[in-house]
Amino acid sequence: MQQSKRQSATEVLANVMIGYWVSIGAQLVVFPLFGLTVTYQKNVGIGLCFMAVSMARGYVIRRYFNGLKPLAKPPILGRL
C-alpha cells in the first residue's frame, strides 16, 4: 500500500520534530566538547535550520521510494 503525499508529510514532520528535540539536547552536550560556545537561542536557531533541511530531505526520499514500482516476484524454478 502506498502512502499519500499528506501521510508522507505527516510522518516526516513527526520524525523530524522528535529528531529536533534530540538534536537540541545533543548540541547542548556536544558543542562544549568541541569548544563551541553558543547561546541557547542560537542553538535553537541552528536546530531549526537543520530541521528544515531534514524535513525536505525526508519528504523527497519518502516520495521517491513510494513511487518506485515493486520488483516482480522471481519465477519458481522448481519444487523441492
PDB file of N, CA and C in Angstrom:
ATOM      1  N   MET A   1       0.839  -1.177   0.000  1.00  0.00           N
ATOM      2  CA  MET A   1       0.000   0.000   0.000  1.00  0.00           C
ATOM      3  C   MET A   1       0.883   1.239   0.000  1.00  0.00           C
ATOM      4  N   GLN A   2       0.533   2.191  -0.829  1.00  0.00           N
ATOM      5  CA  GLN A   2       1.317   3.410  -0.911  1.00  0.00           C
ATOM      6  C   GLN A   2       0.774   4.470   0.030  1.00  0.00           C
ATOM      7  N   GLN A   3       1.675   5.338   0.457  1.00  0.00           N
ATOM      8  CA  GLN A   3       1.281   6.467   1.296  1.00  0.00           C
ATOM      9  C   GLN A   3       0.837   7.613   0.405  1.00  0.00           C
ATOM     10  N   SER A   4      -0.131   8.376   0.905  1.00  0.00           N
ATOM     11  CA  SER A   4      -0.482   9.609   0.201  1.00  0.00           C
ATOM     12  C   SER A   4       0.604  10.639   0.495  1.00  0.00           C
ATOM     13  N   LYS A   5       0.601  11.708  -0.270  1.00  0.00           N
ATOM     14  CA  LYS A   5       1.581  12.775  -0.025  1.00  0.00           C
ATOM     15  C   LYS A   5       1.380  13.377   1.361  1.00  0.00           C
ATOM     16  N   ARG A   6       0.143  13.483   1.776  1.00  0.00           N
ATOM     17  CA  ARG A   6      -0.153  14.035   3.101  1.00  0.00           C
ATOM     18  C   ARG A   6       0.382  13.109   4.197  1.00  0.00           C
ATOM     19  N   GLN A   7       0.194  11.799   4.038  1.00  0.00           N
ATOM     20  CA  GLN A   7       0.709  10.839   5.020  1.00  0.00           C
ATOM     21  C   GLN A   7       2.234  10.903   5.072  1.00  0.00           C
ATOM     22  N   SER A   8       2.873  11.018   3.913  1.00  0.00           N
ATOM     23  CA  SER A   8       4.332  11.131   3.878  1.00  0.00           C
ATOM     24  C   SER A   8       4.792  12.370   4.627  1.00  0.00           C
ATOM     25  N   ALA A   9       4.120  13.485   4.374  1.00  0.00           N
ATOM     26  CA  ALA A   9       4.496  14.740   5.032  1.00  0.00           C
ATOM     27  C   ALA A   9       4.282  14.655   6.543  1.00  0.00           C
ATOM     28  N   THR A  10       3.177  14.028   6.968  1.00  0.00           N
ATOM     29  CA  THR A  10       2.896  13.895   8.397  1.00  0.00           C
ATOM     30  C   THR A  10       3.944  13.024   9.069  1.00  0.00           C
ATOM     31  N   GLU A  11       4.301  11.912   8.441  1.00  0.00           N
ATOM     32  CA  GLU A  11       5.320  11.024   9.013  1.00  0.00           C
ATOM     33  C   GLU A  11       6.666  11.738   9.120  1.00  0.00           C
ATOM     34  N   VAL A  12       7.050  12.432   8.048  1.00  0.00           N
ATOM     35  CA  VAL A  12       8.322  13.150   8.054  1.00  0.00           C
ATOM     36  C   VAL A  12       8.315  14.230   9.130  1.00  0.00           C
ATOM     37  N   LEU A  13       7.210  14.957   9.271  1.00  0.00           N
ATOM     38  CA  LEU A  13       7.126  16.015  10.281  1.00  0.00           C
ATOM     39  C   LEU A  13       7.281  15.442  11.687  1.00  0.00           C
ATOM     40  N   ALA A  14       6.580  14.343  11.973  1.00  0.00           N
ATOM     41  CA  ALA A  14       6.692  13.722  13.302  1.00  0.00           C
ATOM     42  C   ALA A  14       8.120  13.263  13.563  1.00  0.00           C
ATOM     43  N   ASN A  15       8.723  12.629  12.582  1.00  0.00           N
ATOM     44  CA  ASN A  15      10.096  12.136  12.721  1.00  0.00           C
ATOM     45  C   ASN A  15      11.065  13.296  12.959  1.00  0.00           C
ATOM     46  N   VAL A  16      10.904  14.355  12.205  1.00  0.00           N
ATOM     47  CA  VAL A  16      11.822  15.490  12.308  1.00  0.00           C
ATOM     48  C   VAL A  16      11.624  16.241  13.619  1.00  0.00           C
ATOM     49  N   MET A  17      10.394  16.371  14.080  1.00  0.00           N
ATOM     50  CA  MET A  17      10.158  17.074  15.346  1.00  0.00           C
ATOM     51  C   MET A  17      10.815  16.326  16.511  1.00  0.00           C
ATOM     52  N   ILE A  18      10.694  15.019  16.517  1.00  0.00           N
ATOM     53  CA  ILE A  18      11.364  14.231  17.559  1.00  0.00           C
ATOM     54  C   ILE A  18      12.876  14.404  17.430  1.00  0.00           C
ATOM     55  N   GLY A  19      13.374  14.314  16.203  1.00  0.00           N
ATOM     56  CA  GLY A  19      14.803  14.497  15.962  1.00  0.00           C
ATOM     57  C   GLY A  19      15.288  15.879  16.357  1.00  0.00           C
ATOM     58  N   TYR A  20      14.429  16.900  16.188  1.00  0.00           N
ATOM     59  CA  TYR A  20      14.805  18.262  16.547  1.00  0.00           C
ATOM     60  C   TYR A  20      15.123  18.358  18.032  1.00  0.00           C
ATOM     61  N   TRP A  21      14.238  17.837  18.860  1.00  0.00           N
ATOM     62  CA  TRP A  21      14.456  17.928  20.301  1.00  0.00           C
ATOM     63  C   TRP A  21      15.640  17.079  20.753  1.00  0.00           C
ATOM     64  N   VAL A  22      15.857  15.965  20.104  1.00  0.00           N
ATOM     65  CA  VAL A  22      17.042  15.149  20.408  1.00  0.00           C
ATOM     66  C   VAL A  22      18.299  15.920  20.022  1.00  0.00           C
ATOM     67  N   SER A  23      18.265  16.583  18.865  1.00  0.00           N
ATOM     68  CA  SER A  23      19.449  17.323  18.417  1.00  0.00           C
ATOM     69  C   SER A  23      19.755  18.513  19.313  1.00  0.00           C
ATOM     70  N   ILE A  24      18.726  19.196  19.814  1.00  0.00           N
ATOM     71  CA  ILE A  24      18.961  20.320  20.729  1.00  0.00           C
ATOM     72  C   ILE A  24      19.705  19.821  21.965  1.00  0.00           C
ATOM     73  N   GLY A  25      19.230  18.719  22.523  1.00  0.00           N
ATOM     74  CA  GLY A  25      19.908  18.133  23.685  1.00  0.00           C
ATOM     75  C   GLY A  25      21.333  17.720  23.373  1.00  0.00           C
ATOM     76  N   ALA A  26      21.514  17.109  22.200  1.00  0.00           N
ATOM     77  CA  ALA A  26      22.856  16.667  21.807  1.00  0.00           C
ATOM     78  C   ALA A  26      23.779  17.862  21.596  1.00  0.00           C
ATOM     79  N   GLN A  27      23.272  18.921  20.976  1.00  0.00           N
ATOM     80  CA  GLN A  27      24.091  20.110  20.746  1.00  0.00           C
ATOM     81  C   GLN A  27      24.522  20.744  22.063  1.00  0.00           C
ATOM     82  N   LEU A  28      23.627  20.741  23.049  1.00  0.00           N
ATOM     83  CA  LEU A  28      23.972  21.317  24.348  1.00  0.00           C
ATOM     84  C   LEU A  28      25.121  20.555  25.014  1.00  0.00           C
ATOM     85  N   VAL A  29      25.246  19.281  24.692  1.00  0.00           N
ATOM     86  CA  VAL A  29      26.328  18.456  25.255  1.00  0.00           C
ATOM     87  C   VAL A  29      27.568  18.481  24.358  1.00  0.00           C
ATOM     88  N   VAL A  30      27.360  18.332  23.051  1.00  0.00           N
ATOM     89  CA  VAL A  30      28.481  18.151  22.124  1.00  0.00           C
ATOM     90  C   VAL A  30      29.217  19.454  21.824  1.00  0.00           C
ATOM     91  N   PHE A  31      28.497  20.558  21.626  1.00  0.00           N
ATOM     92  CA  PHE A  31      29.165  21.809  21.273  1.00  0.00           C
ATOM     93  C   PHE A  31      30.253  22.177  22.279  1.00  0.00           C
ATOM     94  N   PRO A  32      29.990  22.145  23.584  1.00  0.00           N
ATOM     95  CA  PRO A  32      31.050  22.481  24.538  1.00  0.00           C
ATOM     96  C   PRO A  32      32.249  21.519  24.477  1.00  0.00           C
ATOM     97  N   LEU A  33      32.004  20.275  24.113  1.00  0.00           N
ATOM     98  CA  LEU A  33      33.120  19.328  23.994  1.00  0.00           C
ATOM     99  C   LEU A  33      34.097  19.741  22.900  1.00  0.00           C
ATOM    100  N   PHE A  34      33.594  20.484  21.905  1.00  0.00           N
ATOM    101  CA  PHE A  34      34.430  20.960  20.809  1.00  0.00           C
ATOM    102  C   PHE A  34      34.827  22.426  20.985  1.00  0.00           C
ATOM    103  N   GLY A  35      34.553  22.953  22.167  1.00  0.00           N
ATOM    104  CA  GLY A  35      34.950  24.325  22.453  1.00  0.00           C
ATOM    105  C   GLY A  35      34.043  25.372  21.836  1.00  0.00           C
ATOM    106  N   LEU A  36      32.851  24.986  21.398  1.00  0.00           N
ATOM    107  CA  LEU A  36      31.922  25.941  20.798  1.00  0.00           C
ATOM    108  C   LEU A  36      31.023  26.518  21.877  1.00  0.00           C
ATOM    109  N   THR A  37      30.989  27.827  21.954  1.00  0.00           N
ATOM    110  CA  THR A  37      30.118  28.488  22.905  1.00  0.00           C
ATOM    111  C   THR A  37      28.978  29.111  22.124  1.00  0.00           C
ATOM    112  N   VAL A  38      27.778  28.596  22.337  1.00  0.00           N
ATOM    113  CA  VAL A  38      26.607  29.060  21.604  1.00  0.00           C
ATOM    114  C   VAL A  38      25.500  29.316  22.624  1.00  0.00           C
ATOM    115  N   THR A  39      24.810  30.464  22.474  1.00  0.00           N
ATOM    116  CA  THR A  39      23.691  30.741  23.370  1.00  0.00           C
ATOM    117  C   THR A  39      22.564  29.755  23.082  1.00  0.00           C
ATOM    118  N   TYR A  40      21.672  29.614  24.049  1.00  0.00           N
ATOM    119  CA  TYR A  40      20.545  28.702  23.861  1.00  0.00           C
ATOM    120  C   TYR A  40      19.704  29.132  22.654  1.00  0.00           C
ATOM    121  N   GLN A  41      19.508  30.445  22.480  1.00  0.00           N
ATOM    122  CA  GLN A  41      18.718  30.946  21.353  1.00  0.00           C
ATOM    123  C   GLN A  41      19.375  30.594  20.021  1.00  0.00           C
ATOM    124  N   LYS A  42      20.680  30.738  19.936  1.00  0.00           N
ATOM    125  CA  LYS A  42      21.384  30.375  18.697  1.00  0.00           C
ATOM    126  C   LYS A  42      21.336  28.863  18.485  1.00  0.00           C
ATOM    127  N   ASN A  43      21.410  28.100  19.564  1.00  0.00           N
ATOM    128  CA  ASN A  43      21.322  26.645  19.478  1.00  0.00           C
ATOM    129  C   ASN A  43      19.971  26.248  18.879  1.00  0.00           C
ATOM    130  N   VAL A  44      18.908  26.903  19.332  1.00  0.00           N
ATOM    131  CA  VAL A  44      17.564  26.636  18.802  1.00  0.00           C
ATOM    132  C   VAL A  44      17.506  27.020  17.324  1.00  0.00           C
ATOM    133  N   GLY A  45      18.094  28.146  16.962  1.00  0.00           N
ATOM    134  CA  GLY A  45      18.121  28.580  15.558  1.00  0.00           C
ATOM    135  C   GLY A  45      18.868  27.613  14.664  1.00  0.00           C
ATOM    136  N   ILE A  46      20.019  27.144  15.133  1.00  0.00           N
ATOM    137  CA  ILE A  46      20.790  26.155  14.375  1.00  0.00           C
ATOM    138  C   ILE A  46      19.948  24.893  14.190  1.00  0.00           C
ATOM    139  N   GLY A  47      19.290  24.474  15.269  1.00  0.00           N
ATOM    140  CA  GLY A  47      18.433  23.285  15.188  1.00  0.00           C
ATOM    141  C   GLY A  47      17.299  23.462  14.195  1.00  0.00           C
ATOM    142  N   LEU A  48      16.694  24.659  14.156  1.00  0.00           N
ATOM    143  CA  LEU A  48      15.607  24.925  13.207  1.00  0.00           C
ATOM    144  C   LEU A  48      16.089  24.862  11.757  1.00  0.00           C
ATOM    145  N   CYS A  49      17.278  25.386  11.505  1.00  0.00           N
ATOM    146  CA  CYS A  49      17.836  25.318  10.141  1.00  0.00           C
ATOM    147  C   CYS A  49      18.026  23.865   9.706  1.00  0.00           C
ATOM    148  N   PHE A  50      18.629  23.072  10.586  1.00  0.00           N
ATOM    149  CA  PHE A  50      18.839  21.669  10.254  1.00  0.00           C
ATOM    150  C   PHE A  50      17.511  20.913  10.159  1.00  0.00           C
ATOM    151  N   MET A  51      16.524  21.315  10.950  1.00  0.00           N
ATOM    152  CA  MET A  51      15.218  20.671  10.898  1.00  0.00           C
ATOM    153  C   MET A  51      14.561  20.911   9.537  1.00  0.00           C
ATOM    154  N   ALA A  52      14.650  22.120   9.013  1.00  0.00           N
ATOM    155  CA  ALA A  52      14.063  22.420   7.704  1.00  0.00           C
ATOM    156  C   ALA A  52      14.721  21.574   6.610  1.00  0.00           C
ATOM    157  N   VAL A  53      16.037  21.475   6.668  1.00  0.00           N
ATOM    158  CA  VAL A  53      16.753  20.655   5.688  1.00  0.00           C
ATOM    159  C   VAL A  53      16.343  19.185   5.833  1.00  0.00           C
ATOM    160  N   SER A  54      16.221  18.720   7.051  1.00  0.00           N
ATOM    161  CA  SER A  54      15.854  17.338   7.309  1.00  0.00           C
ATOM    162  C   SER A  54      14.438  17.027   6.828  1.00  0.00           C
ATOM    163  N   MET A  55      13.511  17.956   7.024  1.00  0.00           N
ATOM    164  CA  MET A  55      12.142  17.742   6.555  1.00  0.00           C
ATOM    165  C   MET A  55      12.096  17.627   5.037  1.00  0.00           C
ATOM    166  N   ALA A  56      12.775  18.525   4.352  1.00  0.00           N
ATOM    167  CA  ALA A  56      12.789  18.476   2.885  1.00  0.00           C
ATOM    168  C   ALA A  56      13.434  17.183   2.397  1.00  0.00           C
ATOM    169  N   ARG A  57      14.561  16.830   2.988  1.00  0.00           N
ATOM    170  CA  ARG A  57      15.256  15.600   2.598  1.00  0.00           C
ATOM    171  C   ARG A  57      14.383  14.373   2.830  1.00  0.00           C
ATOM    172  N   GLY A  58      13.787  14.283   4.008  1.00  0.00           N
ATOM    173  CA  GLY A  58      12.964  13.127   4.343  1.00  0.00           C
ATOM    174  C   GLY A  58      11.755  12.994   3.433  1.00  0.00           C
ATOM    175  N   TYR A  59      11.114  14.112   3.118  1.00  0.00           N
ATOM    176  CA  TYR A  59       9.934  14.086   2.254  1.00  0.00           C
ATOM    177  C   TYR A  59      10.302  13.639   0.845  1.00  0.00           C
ATOM    178  N   VAL A  60      11.369  14.198   0.294  1.00  0.00           N
ATOM    179  CA  VAL A  60      11.791  13.835  -1.069  1.00  0.00           C
ATOM    180  C   VAL A  60      12.172  12.356  -1.146  1.00  0.00           C
ATOM    181  N   ILE A  61      12.921  11.879  -0.166  1.00  0.00           N
ATOM    182  CA  ILE A  61      13.328  10.467  -0.173  1.00  0.00           C
ATOM    183  C   ILE A  61      12.109   9.563  -0.033  1.00  0.00           C
ATOM    184  N   ARG A  62      11.189   9.901   0.872  1.00  0.00           N
ATOM    185  CA  ARG A  62       9.987   9.084   1.065  1.00  0.00           C
ATOM    186  C   ARG A  62       9.165   9.027  -0.213  1.00  0.00           C
ATOM    187  N   ARG A  63       8.964  10.174  -0.869  1.00  0.00           N
ATOM    188  CA  ARG A  63       8.169  10.197  -2.101  1.00  0.00           C
ATOM    189  C   ARG A  63       8.874   9.426  -3.209  1.00  0.00           C
ATOM    190  N   TYR A  64      10.200   9.521  -3.275  1.00  0.00           N
ATOM    191  CA  TYR A  64      10.946   8.771  -4.292  1.00  0.00           C
ATOM    192  C   TYR A  64      10.721   7.272  -4.120  1.00  0.00           C
ATOM    193  N   PHE A  65      10.932   6.774  -2.906  1.00  0.00           N
ATOM    194  CA  PHE A  65      10.781   5.343  -2.674  1.00  0.00           C
ATOM    195  C   PHE A  65       9.324   4.911  -2.778  1.00  0.00           C
ATOM    196  N   ASN A  66       8.395   5.777  -2.437  1.00  0.00           N
ATOM    197  CA  ASN A  66       6.988   5.446  -2.555  1.00  0.00           C
ATOM    198  C   ASN A  66       6.584   5.315  -4.025  1.00  0.00           C
ATOM    199  N   GLY A  67       7.278   6.030  -4.895  1.00  0.00           N
ATOM    200  CA  GLY A  67       6.959   5.989  -6.319  1.00  0.00           C
ATOM    201  C   GLY A  67       7.591   4.839  -7.077  1.00  0.00           C
ATOM    202  N   LEU A  68       8.510   4.134  -6.439  1.00  0.00           N
ATOM    203  CA  LEU A  68       9.148   3.008  -7.127  1.00  0.00           C
ATOM    204  C   LEU A  68       8.154   1.880  -7.326  1.00  0.00           C
ATOM    205  N   LYS A  69       8.276   1.230  -8.449  1.00  0.00           N
ATOM    206  CA  LYS A  69       7.434   0.070  -8.719  1.00  0.00           C
ATOM    207  C   LYS A  69       7.987  -1.121  -7.948  1.00  0.00           C
ATOM    208  N   PRO A  70       7.101  -1.951  -7.385  1.00  0.00           N
ATOM    209  CA  PRO A  70       7.606  -3.148  -6.696  1.00  0.00           C
ATOM    210  C   PRO A  70       8.286  -4.083  -7.685  1.00  0.00           C
ATOM    211  N   LEU A  71       9.311  -4.743  -7.208  1.00  0.00           N
ATOM    212  CA  LEU A  71      10.013  -5.706  -8.051  1.00  0.00           C
ATOM    213  C   LEU A  71       9.114  -6.900  -8.317  1.00  0.00           C
ATOM    214  N   ALA A  72       9.203  -7.414  -9.523  1.00  0.00           N
ATOM    215  CA  ALA A  72       8.417  -8.602  -9.864  1.00  0.00           C
ATOM    216  C   ALA A  72       8.947  -9.792  -9.065  1.00  0.00           C
ATOM    217  N   LYS A  73       8.050 -10.667  -8.661  1.00  0.00           N
ATOM    218  CA  LYS A  73       8.472 -11.856  -7.944  1.00  0.00           C
ATOM    219  C   LYS A  73       9.184 -12.789  -8.917  1.00  0.00           C
ATOM    220  N   PRO A  74      10.329 -13.349  -8.507  1.00  0.00           N
ATOM    221  CA  PRO A  74      11.024 -14.252  -9.416  1.00  0.00           C
ATOM    222  C   PRO A  74      10.212 -15.525  -9.612  1.00  0.00           C
ATOM    223  N   PRO A  75      10.282 -16.078 -10.827  1.00  0.00           N
ATOM    224  CA  PRO A  75       9.534 -17.316 -11.079  1.00  0.00           C
ATOM    225  C   PRO A  75      10.096 -18.448 -10.235  1.00  0.00           C
ATOM    226  N   ILE A  76       9.222 -19.359  -9.878  1.00  0.00           N
ATOM    227  CA  ILE A  76       9.662 -20.536  -9.128  1.00  0.00           C
ATOM    228  C   ILE A  76      10.377 -21.460 -10.104  1.00  0.00           C
ATOM    229  N   LEU A  77      11.615 -21.765  -9.790  1.00  0.00           N
ATOM    230  CA  LEU A  77      12.427 -22.564 -10.703  1.00  0.00           C
ATOM    231  C   LEU A  77      12.136 -24.064 -10.582  1.00  0.00           C
ATOM    232  N   GLY A  78      11.644 -24.448  -9.527  1.00  0.00           N
ATOM    233  CA  GLY A  78      11.340 -25.867  -9.348  1.00  0.00           C
ATOM    234  C   GLY A  78      10.860 -26.115  -7.944  1.00  0.00           C
ATOM    235  N   ARG A  79      10.229 -27.194  -7.756  1.00  0.00           N
ATOM    236  CA  ARG A  79       9.731 -27.533  -6.435  1.00  0.00           C
ATOM    237  C   ARG A  79      10.627 -28.579  -5.818  1.00  0.00           C
ATOM    238  N   LEU A  80      10.858 -28.464  -4.538  1.00  0.00           N
ATOM    239  CA  LEU A  80      11.702 -29.441  -3.844  1.00  0.00           C
ATOM    240  C   LEU A  80      10.875 -30.570  -3.304  1.00  0.00           C
TER     241      LEU A  80
END
